[in-house]
Amino acid sequence: MNNNLPPEIDVVIIGGGPAGVATALALKNQGEKRVAILEKTRQDNFRIGETLPPSVPPVLEQLGVYDVLTEDEHLRSWGNCSAWGGSQLGFQDFFFYPGGQGWHLNRSQFDASLTRAAQKRGVMVMWETTALGGNQLADGQWRLKLRAKDGSQFHLKTSFVVDATGNRSLFATWQGANKVRMDSLIAVASVFTWDKNAPEDYYTLVETTELGWWYAARLPHGQAIATFMSDSNLLQKYGLLQAKNWTTYLQQTQHIQKLTHDATKQSRLLIQPATSQYLDQMTGDGWLAVGDAACTLDPLASAGIYKALQSGIKAGEAIALYFAGNGNALTTYELETRHQFEVYLQDRIKYYDQEKRWNKSPFWRLRRGRVSLSPAQPIFFPEFPQIPSALRRLNMYLPPKDLQLLCQLCNPSKNASHVVAQFLAQSDRQISAYRVIEALQGLLEQKILTT
């Protein structure tokens, strides 16, 4: 039992990443709430870096932690350049944006500095503490089961829980929420080191290939990172989870290989999921999910930390309203988060549709806008016993229960436009018609529906 704990915490945040810390800081800005962050590490492990656009420093300033950028060892970034839709590089210079620059981060140092800044503001940080479970008591409070670094277990009571566990969505899934994955994107990265004469390219570099796209950027201490983004089945098929094959594919690029040329060391491959996904339930009685725990975006959106910080600010505001007796605060937060994800999905289609090469590539076909279904086409649902399991395999379109509703609306007397309109009228989700059309096309391709 940890005897140094206060008898009660108002808000416990599980996860010390940017979204969790921003939530804590936003709550501190709202008033004197007792806030604790549970962080399972010391935040000293290597984390894949990220380039911050000029839009992020003003958000850090709003939270009162702008100094985390200037006090640590981060590199300035002058912009982005990409070979997207063609082999020639196009440039987006940060010089023309407010602030005039971005940052190439030492990511682990950034996260740790952000957490320590919250600690200085009165947030209790419980380092190397893991959440094992939790249950809601009769009085509405939560009793969390935790494990300390030494393996001992203890309990902590709180009035509100924030899930900031990233794409694991740990606490939300304990409450019955389900992840809806839109793709199977995986990031496969390696860090390159130069003993001397490291390249001085301060632009973030993106380059497309037939199987996916590459991202490369400078890091502090004479290093650079190169990351390949592709779907898990393609990485398996072409052996790109093996260092030798990955490096060979890197050397076939036109631009990325120039940045990594002549490096004296190359790290092992770092593999992590980069799927676009969202929770079918982001809030509940006395809890909410924030940042990547609520929804994750394709890294192409370049919105990772910016989205996390903004999500934390919105979450902090919603929790403050919840404590003030606003019964709609959490629902409003969830609806806004869902709407932002829908907008992102439409933007993702536009970006990927700009790359017209490799028309037969399954990676690019999956991500381009593709409306081939005629609005006047009648659609029929011939129900069969294996429907539930078949729908679970298609949850990249919509959650299975929504797909079930969509199927049930299909009969020979209704054409596709009627089905889409009726689904949008009956569904409790604010989604675009395109999402429903894409789901109908997927169900037809899998022969769950027929014309």
Protein backbone atom coordinates (compact mmCIF):
# COMPACT_ATOMS: atom_id res chain seq x y z
CA MET A 1 0.00 0.00 0.00
CA ASN A 2 1.33 3.45 -0.95
CA ASN A 3 0.95 5.56 2.22
CA ASN A 4 1.97 8.77 0.44
CA LEU A 5 -1.28 8.98 -1.51
CA PRO A 6 -3.99 11.48 -0.63
CA PRO A 7 -7.28 9.88 0.43
CA GLU A 8 -8.94 10.90 -2.85
CA ILE A 9 -8.05 12.30 -6.26
CA ASP A 10 -10.58 14.26 -8.32
CA VAL A 11 -9.26 13.12 -11.72
CA VAL A 12 -6.88 10.26 -12.51
CA ILE A 13 -5.29 10.29 -15.97
CA ILE A 14 -3.93 6.94 -17.17
CA GLY A 15 -1.03 7.79 -19.46
CA GLY A 16 1.58 10.58 -19.42
CA GLY A 17 1.78 11.37 -23.14
CA PRO A 18 0.96 14.80 -24.61
CA ALA A 19 -2.83 14.22 -24.57
CA GLY A 20 -2.88 13.13 -20.92
CA VAL A 21 -0.60 15.95 -19.78
CA ALA A 22 -2.57 18.54 -21.77
CA THR A 23 -5.75 17.32 -20.05
CA ALA A 24 -4.09 17.75 -16.66
CA LEU A 25 -2.82 21.24 -17.50
CA ALA A 26 -6.19 22.29 -18.89
CA LEU A 27 -7.86 21.12 -15.67
CA LYS A 28 -5.35 23.11 -13.62
CA ASN A 29 -6.18 26.16 -15.74
CA GLN A 30 -9.87 25.59 -14.97
CA GLY A 31 -9.48 25.48 -11.19
CA GLU A 32 -7.94 23.67 -8.24
CA LYS A 33 -8.79 20.08 -9.04
CA ARG A 34 -6.64 17.31 -7.50
CA VAL A 35 -5.21 15.64 -10.60
CA ALA A 36 -2.92 12.61 -10.86
CA ILE A 37 -1.16 11.13 -13.88
CA LEU A 38 -0.26 7.43 -13.94
CA GLU A 39 2.78 6.90 -16.17
CA LYS A 40 4.01 3.33 -16.55
CA THR A 41 7.59 4.34 -17.53
CA ARG A 42 10.15 7.00 -16.59
CA GLN A 43 9.73 8.35 -20.15
CA ASP A 44 13.44 7.81 -20.81
CA ASN A 45 12.97 5.12 -23.47
CA PHE A 46 13.46 5.97 -27.15
CA ARG A 47 10.28 7.04 -28.92
CA ILE A 48 9.89 7.58 -32.64
CA GLY A 49 10.33 11.31 -33.13
CA GLU A 50 7.95 13.77 -34.67
CA THR A 51 8.20 17.07 -36.47
CA LEU A 52 6.08 19.81 -34.95
CA PRO A 53 4.52 22.30 -37.39
CA PRO A 54 4.37 26.02 -36.47
CA SER A 55 0.79 25.54 -35.19
CA VAL A 56 1.97 23.66 -32.06
CA PRO A 57 4.02 26.30 -30.12
CA PRO A 58 0.96 28.60 -29.65
CA VAL A 59 -0.94 25.66 -28.11
CA LEU A 60 1.96 24.97 -25.73
CA GLU A 61 1.95 28.66 -24.85
CA GLN A 62 -1.80 28.47 -24.16
CA LEU A 63 -1.11 25.62 -21.74
CA GLY A 64 1.73 27.59 -20.12
CA VAL A 65 4.51 25.15 -21.11
CA TYR A 66 6.15 26.75 -24.16
CA ASP A 67 9.57 26.44 -22.46
CA VAL A 68 9.63 22.66 -23.09
CA LEU A 69 10.61 23.49 -26.69
CA THR A 70 13.34 26.01 -25.99
CA GLU A 71 14.98 24.38 -22.95
CA ASP A 72 15.56 20.93 -24.46
CA GLU A 73 17.66 19.52 -27.31
CA HIS A 74 15.30 19.85 -30.28
CA LEU A 75 16.21 20.88 -33.82
CA ARG A 76 14.52 23.63 -35.76
CA SER A 77 12.57 22.55 -38.85
CA TRP A 78 12.20 24.82 -41.85
CA GLY A 79 9.34 22.94 -43.54
CA ASN A 80 8.20 19.85 -45.42
CA CYS A 81 9.12 18.56 -48.85
CA SER A 82 7.43 15.67 -50.61
CA ALA A 83 7.49 13.63 -53.81
CA TRP A 84 3.78 12.85 -53.82
CA GLY A 85 1.98 12.31 -57.11
CA GLY A 86 5.26 12.57 -59.01
CA SER A 87 9.01 12.17 -58.63
CA GLN A 88 9.81 15.87 -58.25
CA LEU A 89 9.96 17.38 -54.77
CA GLY A 90 7.49 20.06 -53.76
CA PHE A 91 8.18 22.32 -50.76
CA GLN A 92 6.06 23.73 -47.95
CA ASP A 93 8.17 26.34 -46.18
CA PHE A 94 7.34 27.21 -42.56
CA PHE A 95 8.90 30.64 -43.09
CA PHE A 96 5.56 31.93 -44.36
CA TYR A 97 3.60 30.70 -41.29
CA PRO A 98 3.28 32.53 -37.94
CA GLY A 99 6.37 31.62 -35.95
CA GLY A 100 8.35 30.88 -39.10
CA GLN A 101 9.63 27.44 -38.06
CA GLY A 102 8.77 24.01 -36.72
CA TRP A 103 10.74 21.55 -34.61
CA HIS A 104 12.33 18.11 -35.04
CA LEU A 105 11.82 16.56 -31.62
CA ASN A 106 13.76 14.38 -29.29
CA ARG A 107 10.41 12.76 -28.54
CA SER A 108 11.17 11.01 -25.25
CA GLN A 109 12.75 14.20 -23.89
CA PHE A 110 9.74 16.26 -25.03
CA ASP A 111 7.23 13.94 -23.34
CA ALA A 112 9.25 13.82 -20.10
CA SER A 113 9.66 17.62 -20.00
CA LEU A 114 5.95 18.10 -20.59
CA THR A 115 5.10 15.75 -17.72
CA ARG A 116 7.58 17.44 -15.35
CA ALA A 117 6.09 20.84 -16.27
CA ALA A 118 2.67 19.52 -15.19
CA GLN A 119 4.25 18.25 -11.97
CA LYS A 120 5.53 21.75 -11.22
CA ARG A 121 1.99 23.05 -11.71
CA GLY A 122 0.71 20.81 -8.91
CA VAL A 123 -0.23 17.68 -10.87
CA MET A 124 0.67 14.50 -8.98
CA VAL A 125 2.72 12.21 -11.26
CA MET A 126 2.98 8.55 -10.27
CA TRP A 127 5.95 7.28 -12.29
CA GLU A 128 6.31 3.59 -13.21
CA THR A 129 2.75 2.88 -12.11
CA THR A 130 0.51 0.57 -14.13
CA ALA A 131 -3.29 0.46 -14.08
CA LEU A 132 -4.53 -3.13 -13.75
CA GLY A 133 -8.28 -2.53 -13.59
CA GLY A 134 -11.02 -0.53 -12.01
CA ASN A 135 -14.62 -0.68 -10.93
CA GLN A 136 -17.24 1.98 -10.28
CA LEU A 137 -18.61 2.09 -6.75
CA ALA A 138 -22.20 2.68 -5.67
CA ASP A 139 -21.48 6.37 -5.03
CA GLY A 140 -20.24 6.84 -8.62
CA GLN A 141 -16.56 7.00 -7.73
CA TRP A 142 -13.94 4.75 -9.30
CA ARG A 143 -11.67 2.36 -7.44
CA LEU A 144 -8.57 1.72 -9.53
CA LYS A 145 -6.26 -1.22 -9.00
CA LEU A 146 -2.63 -0.20 -9.59
CA ARG A 147 0.82 -1.80 -9.59
CA ALA A 148 3.94 0.06 -8.47
CA LYS A 149 7.48 -0.39 -9.83
CA ASP A 150 8.37 -2.87 -7.07
CA GLY A 151 5.41 -5.07 -8.03
CA SER A 152 3.27 -4.18 -5.05
CA GLN A 153 -0.42 -3.55 -5.73
CA PHE A 154 -2.64 -0.89 -4.21
CA HIS A 155 -5.92 0.94 -4.84
CA LEU A 156 -6.75 4.56 -5.58
CA LYS A 157 -10.18 6.24 -5.47
CA THR A 158 -11.14 8.98 -7.89
CA SER A 159 -14.23 10.81 -9.11
CA PHE A 160 -13.21 10.75 -12.79
CA VAL A 161 -10.91 8.68 -15.02
CA VAL A 162 -9.24 9.83 -18.25
CA ASP A 163 -8.01 7.16 -20.65
CA ALA A 164 -4.83 8.56 -22.23
CA THR A 165 -3.26 5.18 -23.02
CA GLY A 166 -2.80 5.86 -26.74
CA ASN A 167 -4.16 3.46 -29.33
CA ARG A 168 -4.44 0.71 -26.69
CA SER A 169 -7.49 2.53 -25.26
CA LEU A 170 -6.98 0.46 -22.13
CA PHE A 171 -9.58 1.87 -19.74
CA ALA A 172 -12.21 2.47 -22.45
CA THR A 173 -12.05 -1.16 -23.57
CA TRP A 174 -12.47 -2.23 -19.93
CA GLN A 175 -15.76 -0.31 -20.05
CA GLY A 176 -16.90 -2.21 -23.16
CA ALA A 177 -15.84 0.23 -25.87
CA ASN A 178 -14.69 -1.29 -29.17
CA LYS A 179 -12.00 -0.09 -31.57
CA VAL A 180 -13.12 0.46 -35.16
CA ARG A 181 -10.05 0.17 -37.40
CA MET A 182 -10.15 1.76 -40.84
CA ASP A 183 -6.95 0.13 -42.15
CA SER A 184 -3.93 -1.91 -41.05
CA LEU A 185 -1.20 0.71 -41.48
CA ILE A 186 2.12 -0.10 -39.80
CA ALA A 187 5.15 2.18 -39.32
CA VAL A 188 8.54 0.46 -39.75
CA ALA A 189 11.42 2.76 -38.83
CA SER A 190 15.17 2.79 -38.34
CA VAL A 191 17.44 5.45 -36.83
CA PHE A 192 20.65 6.37 -38.67
CA THR A 193 23.65 7.89 -36.91
CA TRP A 194 26.66 9.80 -38.23
CA ASP A 195 29.87 10.07 -36.20
CA LYS A 196 30.61 13.29 -38.08
CA ASN A 197 29.33 15.31 -41.04
CA ALA A 198 25.65 14.51 -40.41
CA PRO A 199 23.36 15.79 -43.20
CA GLU A 200 22.10 19.31 -42.61
CA ASP A 201 18.70 18.94 -44.25
CA TYR A 202 16.22 20.51 -41.83
CA TYR A 203 13.15 19.67 -43.92
CA THR A 204 10.85 16.74 -43.29
CA LEU A 205 10.91 14.48 -46.35
CA VAL A 206 8.05 12.33 -47.73
CA GLU A 207 8.25 10.04 -50.77
CA THR A 208 5.69 7.61 -52.18
CA THR A 209 6.36 4.14 -53.57
CA GLU A 210 4.17 1.40 -54.98
CA LEU A 211 3.76 -0.34 -51.60
CA GLY A 212 3.28 2.75 -49.40
CA TRP A 213 5.17 5.90 -48.47
CA TRP A 214 8.36 6.92 -46.72
CA TYR A 215 8.96 9.63 -44.12
CA ALA A 216 12.39 10.90 -43.03
CA ALA A 217 13.56 13.66 -40.71
CA ARG A 218 16.59 14.84 -38.80
CA LEU A 219 16.93 14.10 -35.08
CA PRO A 220 19.23 15.69 -32.49
CA HIS A 221 22.72 14.28 -31.82
CA GLY A 222 23.70 13.62 -35.46
CA GLN A 223 20.83 11.27 -36.20
CA ALA A 224 17.99 10.91 -38.68
CA ILE A 225 14.98 8.61 -38.79
CA ALA A 226 13.49 6.93 -41.86
CA THR A 227 10.06 5.33 -41.59
CA PHE A 228 8.13 3.25 -44.10
CA MET A 229 4.32 3.22 -43.92
CA SER A 230 2.42 0.29 -45.40
CA ASP A 231 -0.31 -2.22 -44.59
CA SER A 232 0.54 -5.22 -42.45
CA ASN A 233 -0.31 -7.78 -45.15
CA LEU A 234 1.98 -6.07 -47.68
CA LEU A 235 4.83 -5.81 -45.19
CA GLN A 236 4.48 -9.54 -44.51
CA LYS A 237 4.15 -10.47 -48.20
CA TYR A 238 7.28 -8.60 -49.28
CA GLY A 239 9.36 -9.35 -46.17
CA LEU A 240 9.66 -5.68 -45.22
CA LEU A 241 9.61 -6.44 -41.51
CA GLN A 242 13.13 -7.87 -41.96
CA ALA A 243 15.97 -5.35 -41.78
CA LYS A 244 17.75 -6.56 -44.92
CA ASN A 245 14.68 -6.32 -47.16
CA TRP A 246 13.59 -3.03 -45.58
CA THR A 247 17.01 -1.47 -46.20
CA THR A 248 17.06 -2.74 -49.79
CA TYR A 249 13.66 -1.14 -50.42
CA LEU A 250 14.92 2.10 -48.84
CA GLN A 251 17.90 2.13 -51.22
CA GLN A 252 15.50 1.97 -54.17
CA THR A 253 13.93 5.33 -53.25
CA GLN A 254 14.94 8.44 -55.13
CA HIS A 255 15.10 10.95 -52.26
CA ILE A 256 14.96 9.17 -48.89
CA GLN A 257 18.11 7.16 -49.54
CA LYS A 258 20.08 10.39 -50.08
CA LEU A 259 19.30 11.56 -46.55
CA THR A 260 20.48 8.26 -45.02
CA HIS A 261 23.54 7.89 -47.26
CA ASP A 262 26.92 7.40 -45.56
CA ALA A 263 25.47 6.87 -42.08
CA THR A 264 27.94 5.07 -39.82
CA LYS A 265 25.27 3.19 -37.81
CA GLN A 266 21.75 1.92 -38.35
CA SER A 267 19.45 0.80 -35.54
CA ARG A 268 17.27 -2.27 -35.46
CA LEU A 269 13.83 -1.87 -37.00
CA LEU A 270 11.25 -0.13 -34.81
CA ILE A 271 7.74 -1.36 -35.57
CA GLN A 272 4.52 0.19 -34.30
CA PRO A 273 0.87 0.40 -35.46
CA ALA A 274 -0.26 3.53 -37.29
CA THR A 275 -3.85 2.57 -38.04
CA SER A 276 -6.66 5.06 -38.40
CA GLN A 277 -9.15 3.98 -35.77
CA TYR A 278 -11.78 5.31 -33.37
CA LEU A 279 -13.75 4.06 -30.39
CA ASP A 280 -17.44 3.35 -30.77
CA GLN A 281 -17.78 4.78 -27.23
CA MET A 282 -15.46 7.60 -26.14
CA THR A 283 -17.14 8.67 -22.91
CA GLY A 284 -19.20 7.19 -20.10
CA ASP A 285 -20.37 7.88 -16.57
CA GLY A 286 -17.31 9.47 -14.94
CA TRP A 287 -14.77 8.77 -17.70
CA LEU A 288 -13.60 9.77 -21.16
CA ALA A 289 -10.91 8.84 -23.68
CA VAL A 290 -8.53 11.51 -24.96
CA GLY A 291 -6.02 11.81 -27.83
CA ASP A 292 -5.14 8.56 -29.58
CA ALA A 293 -7.16 6.61 -27.03
CA ALA A 294 -10.29 8.18 -28.57
CA CYS A 295 -9.17 8.13 -32.21
CA THR A 296 -5.93 7.91 -34.16
CA LEU A 297 -5.10 9.53 -37.49
CA ASP A 298 -2.86 8.54 -40.37
CA PRO A 299 0.63 10.02 -39.75
CA LEU A 300 0.27 11.69 -43.14
CA ALA A 301 -2.05 14.17 -41.43
CA SER A 302 1.01 15.50 -39.50
CA ALA A 303 -1.33 16.22 -36.62
CA GLY A 304 -0.13 13.81 -33.95
CA ILE A 305 1.04 16.09 -31.12
CA TYR A 306 -1.10 19.04 -32.21
CA LYS A 307 -4.20 16.82 -32.14
CA ALA A 308 -3.17 15.33 -28.77
CA LEU A 309 -2.74 18.75 -27.15
CA GLN A 310 -5.98 20.12 -28.57
CA SER A 311 -7.84 16.97 -27.53
CA GLY A 312 -6.48 17.38 -24.00
CA ILE A 313 -7.64 20.99 -23.84
CA LYS A 314 -11.14 20.00 -25.00
CA ALA A 315 -11.20 17.11 -22.54
CA GLY A 316 -10.15 19.36 -19.65
CA GLU A 317 -12.91 21.83 -20.50
CA ALA A 318 -15.51 19.02 -20.75
CA ILE A 319 -14.47 17.52 -17.38
CA ALA A 320 -14.66 20.94 -15.70
CA LEU A 321 -18.20 21.39 -17.05
CA TYR A 322 -19.07 17.85 -15.92
CA PHE A 323 -18.00 18.67 -12.35
CA ALA A 324 -20.00 21.90 -12.58
CA GLY A 325 -23.16 19.88 -13.22
CA ASN A 326 -23.42 20.12 -17.02
CA GLY A 327 -24.93 16.75 -17.91
CA ASN A 328 -24.28 17.19 -21.66
CA ALA A 329 -20.60 18.09 -21.42
CA LEU A 330 -19.23 14.60 -22.09
CA THR A 331 -21.73 13.92 -24.89
CA THR A 332 -20.77 17.19 -26.58
CA TYR A 333 -17.07 16.31 -26.28
CA GLU A 334 -17.68 12.91 -27.91
CA LEU A 335 -19.79 14.34 -30.75
CA GLU A 336 -17.13 16.96 -31.52
CA THR A 337 -14.38 14.30 -31.50
CA ARG A 338 -16.39 12.07 -33.83
CA HIS A 339 -17.06 14.98 -36.18
CA GLN A 340 -13.35 15.82 -36.35
CA PHE A 341 -12.59 12.21 -37.22
CA GLU A 342 -15.16 12.23 -40.04
CA VAL A 343 -13.64 15.43 -41.45
CA TYR A 344 -10.21 13.80 -41.26
CA LEU A 345 -11.44 10.75 -43.23
CA GLN A 346 -12.65 12.99 -46.06
CA ASP A 347 -9.34 14.87 -46.08
CA ARG A 348 -7.43 11.57 -46.11
CA ILE A 349 -9.22 10.51 -49.30
CA LYS A 350 -8.29 13.81 -50.96
CA TYR A 351 -4.62 13.51 -50.04
CA TYR A 352 -4.24 9.89 -51.15
CA ASP A 353 -6.18 10.57 -54.34
CA GLN A 354 -3.45 13.01 -55.39
CA GLU A 355 -1.13 10.05 -56.02
CA LYS A 356 -2.31 8.70 -59.41
CA ARG A 357 0.56 6.28 -60.05
CA TRP A 358 0.40 2.57 -59.16
CA ASN A 359 -3.30 2.19 -59.97
CA LYS A 360 -3.11 -1.57 -59.38
CA SER A 361 -1.44 -1.27 -55.98
CA PRO A 362 -3.75 -2.54 -53.20
CA PHE A 363 -2.24 0.02 -50.80
CA TRP A 364 -3.30 3.00 -52.92
CA ARG A 365 -6.60 1.54 -54.13
CA LEU A 366 -7.73 1.07 -50.51
CA ARG A 367 -7.25 4.75 -49.70
CA ARG A 368 -8.59 6.52 -52.79
CA GLY A 369 -12.15 7.76 -53.10
CA ARG A 370 -14.07 5.16 -55.07
CA VAL A 371 -17.80 5.63 -55.57
CA SER A 372 -18.88 3.10 -58.20
CA LEU A 373 -22.33 2.29 -56.83
CA SER A 374 -25.23 3.83 -58.76
CA PRO A 375 -27.77 5.66 -56.55
CA ALA A 376 -30.57 3.93 -58.50
CA GLN A 377 -29.21 0.40 -57.95
CA PRO A 378 -31.57 -1.86 -55.94
CA ILE A 379 -29.74 -3.86 -53.24
CA PHE A 380 -30.88 -7.09 -51.59
CA PHE A 381 -29.77 -8.74 -48.33
CA PRO A 382 -29.89 -12.56 -48.51
CA GLU A 383 -29.26 -13.30 -44.81
CA PHE A 384 -27.18 -16.36 -43.94
CA PRO A 385 -25.95 -17.82 -40.60
CA GLN A 386 -22.35 -16.58 -40.84
CA ILE A 387 -23.35 -12.90 -41.06
CA PRO A 388 -22.09 -11.77 -37.58
CA SER A 389 -18.54 -13.07 -38.10
CA ALA A 390 -18.46 -11.76 -41.68
CA LEU A 391 -19.43 -8.28 -40.51
CA ARG A 392 -16.73 -8.25 -37.82
CA ARG A 393 -14.15 -8.67 -40.59
CA LEU A 394 -15.47 -5.55 -42.33
CA ASN A 395 -15.32 -3.12 -39.43
CA MET A 396 -12.93 -0.87 -41.40
CA TYR A 397 -16.12 0.55 -42.93
CA LEU A 398 -18.45 0.82 -39.92
CA PRO A 399 -18.88 -0.94 -36.56
CA PRO A 400 -20.54 -4.40 -36.96
CA LYS A 401 -23.83 -3.29 -35.39
CA ASP A 402 -24.06 -0.44 -37.93
CA LEU A 403 -23.27 -2.83 -40.77
CA GLN A 404 -26.04 -5.09 -39.47
CA LEU A 405 -28.50 -2.18 -39.61
CA LEU A 406 -27.32 -1.28 -43.09
CA CYS A 407 -27.92 -4.86 -44.28
CA GLN A 408 -31.39 -4.98 -42.75
CA LEU A 409 -32.38 -1.81 -44.61
CA CYS A 410 -31.61 -3.42 -47.97
CA ASN A 411 -34.48 -5.03 -49.88
CA PRO A 412 -35.45 -5.19 -53.58
CA SER A 413 -37.92 -2.31 -53.20
CA LYS A 414 -35.23 0.18 -52.17
CA ASN A 415 -32.40 1.55 -54.26
CA ALA A 416 -28.99 2.52 -52.91
CA SER A 417 -29.84 6.20 -52.36
CA HIS A 418 -32.90 5.24 -50.27
CA VAL A 419 -30.84 2.84 -48.17
CA VAL A 420 -28.16 5.47 -47.50
CA ALA A 421 -30.73 8.15 -46.59
CA GLN A 422 -32.63 5.77 -44.29
CA PHE A 423 -29.44 4.65 -42.55
CA LEU A 424 -28.34 8.23 -41.90
CA ALA A 425 -31.80 9.01 -40.49
CA GLN A 426 -31.81 6.00 -38.15
CA SER A 427 -28.16 5.91 -37.06
CA ASP A 428 -27.06 7.75 -33.93
CA ARG A 429 -23.69 8.50 -35.58
CA GLN A 430 -22.93 11.74 -37.40
CA ILE A 431 -21.09 10.37 -40.41
CA SER A 432 -20.88 11.33 -44.06
CA ALA A 433 -22.95 9.66 -46.77
CA TYR A 434 -19.68 8.63 -48.41
CA ARG A 435 -18.85 6.38 -45.46
CA VAL A 436 -22.18 4.57 -45.89
CA ILE A 437 -21.74 4.24 -49.67
CA GLU A 438 -18.24 2.82 -49.15
CA ALA A 439 -19.67 0.30 -46.65
CA LEU A 440 -22.35 -0.78 -49.13
CA GLN A 441 -19.69 -1.28 -51.79
CA GLY A 442 -17.60 -3.36 -49.38
CA LEU A 443 -20.61 -5.52 -48.45
CA LEU A 444 -21.36 -6.07 -52.13
CA GLU A 445 -17.74 -7.01 -52.88
CA GLN A 446 -17.86 -9.62 -50.11
CA LYS A 447 -21.21 -10.91 -51.48
CA ILE A 448 -22.99 -10.21 -48.18
CA LEU A 449 -25.30 -7.99 -50.23
CA THR A 450 -26.34 -8.58 -53.80
CA THR A 451 -27.83 -6.47 -56.59
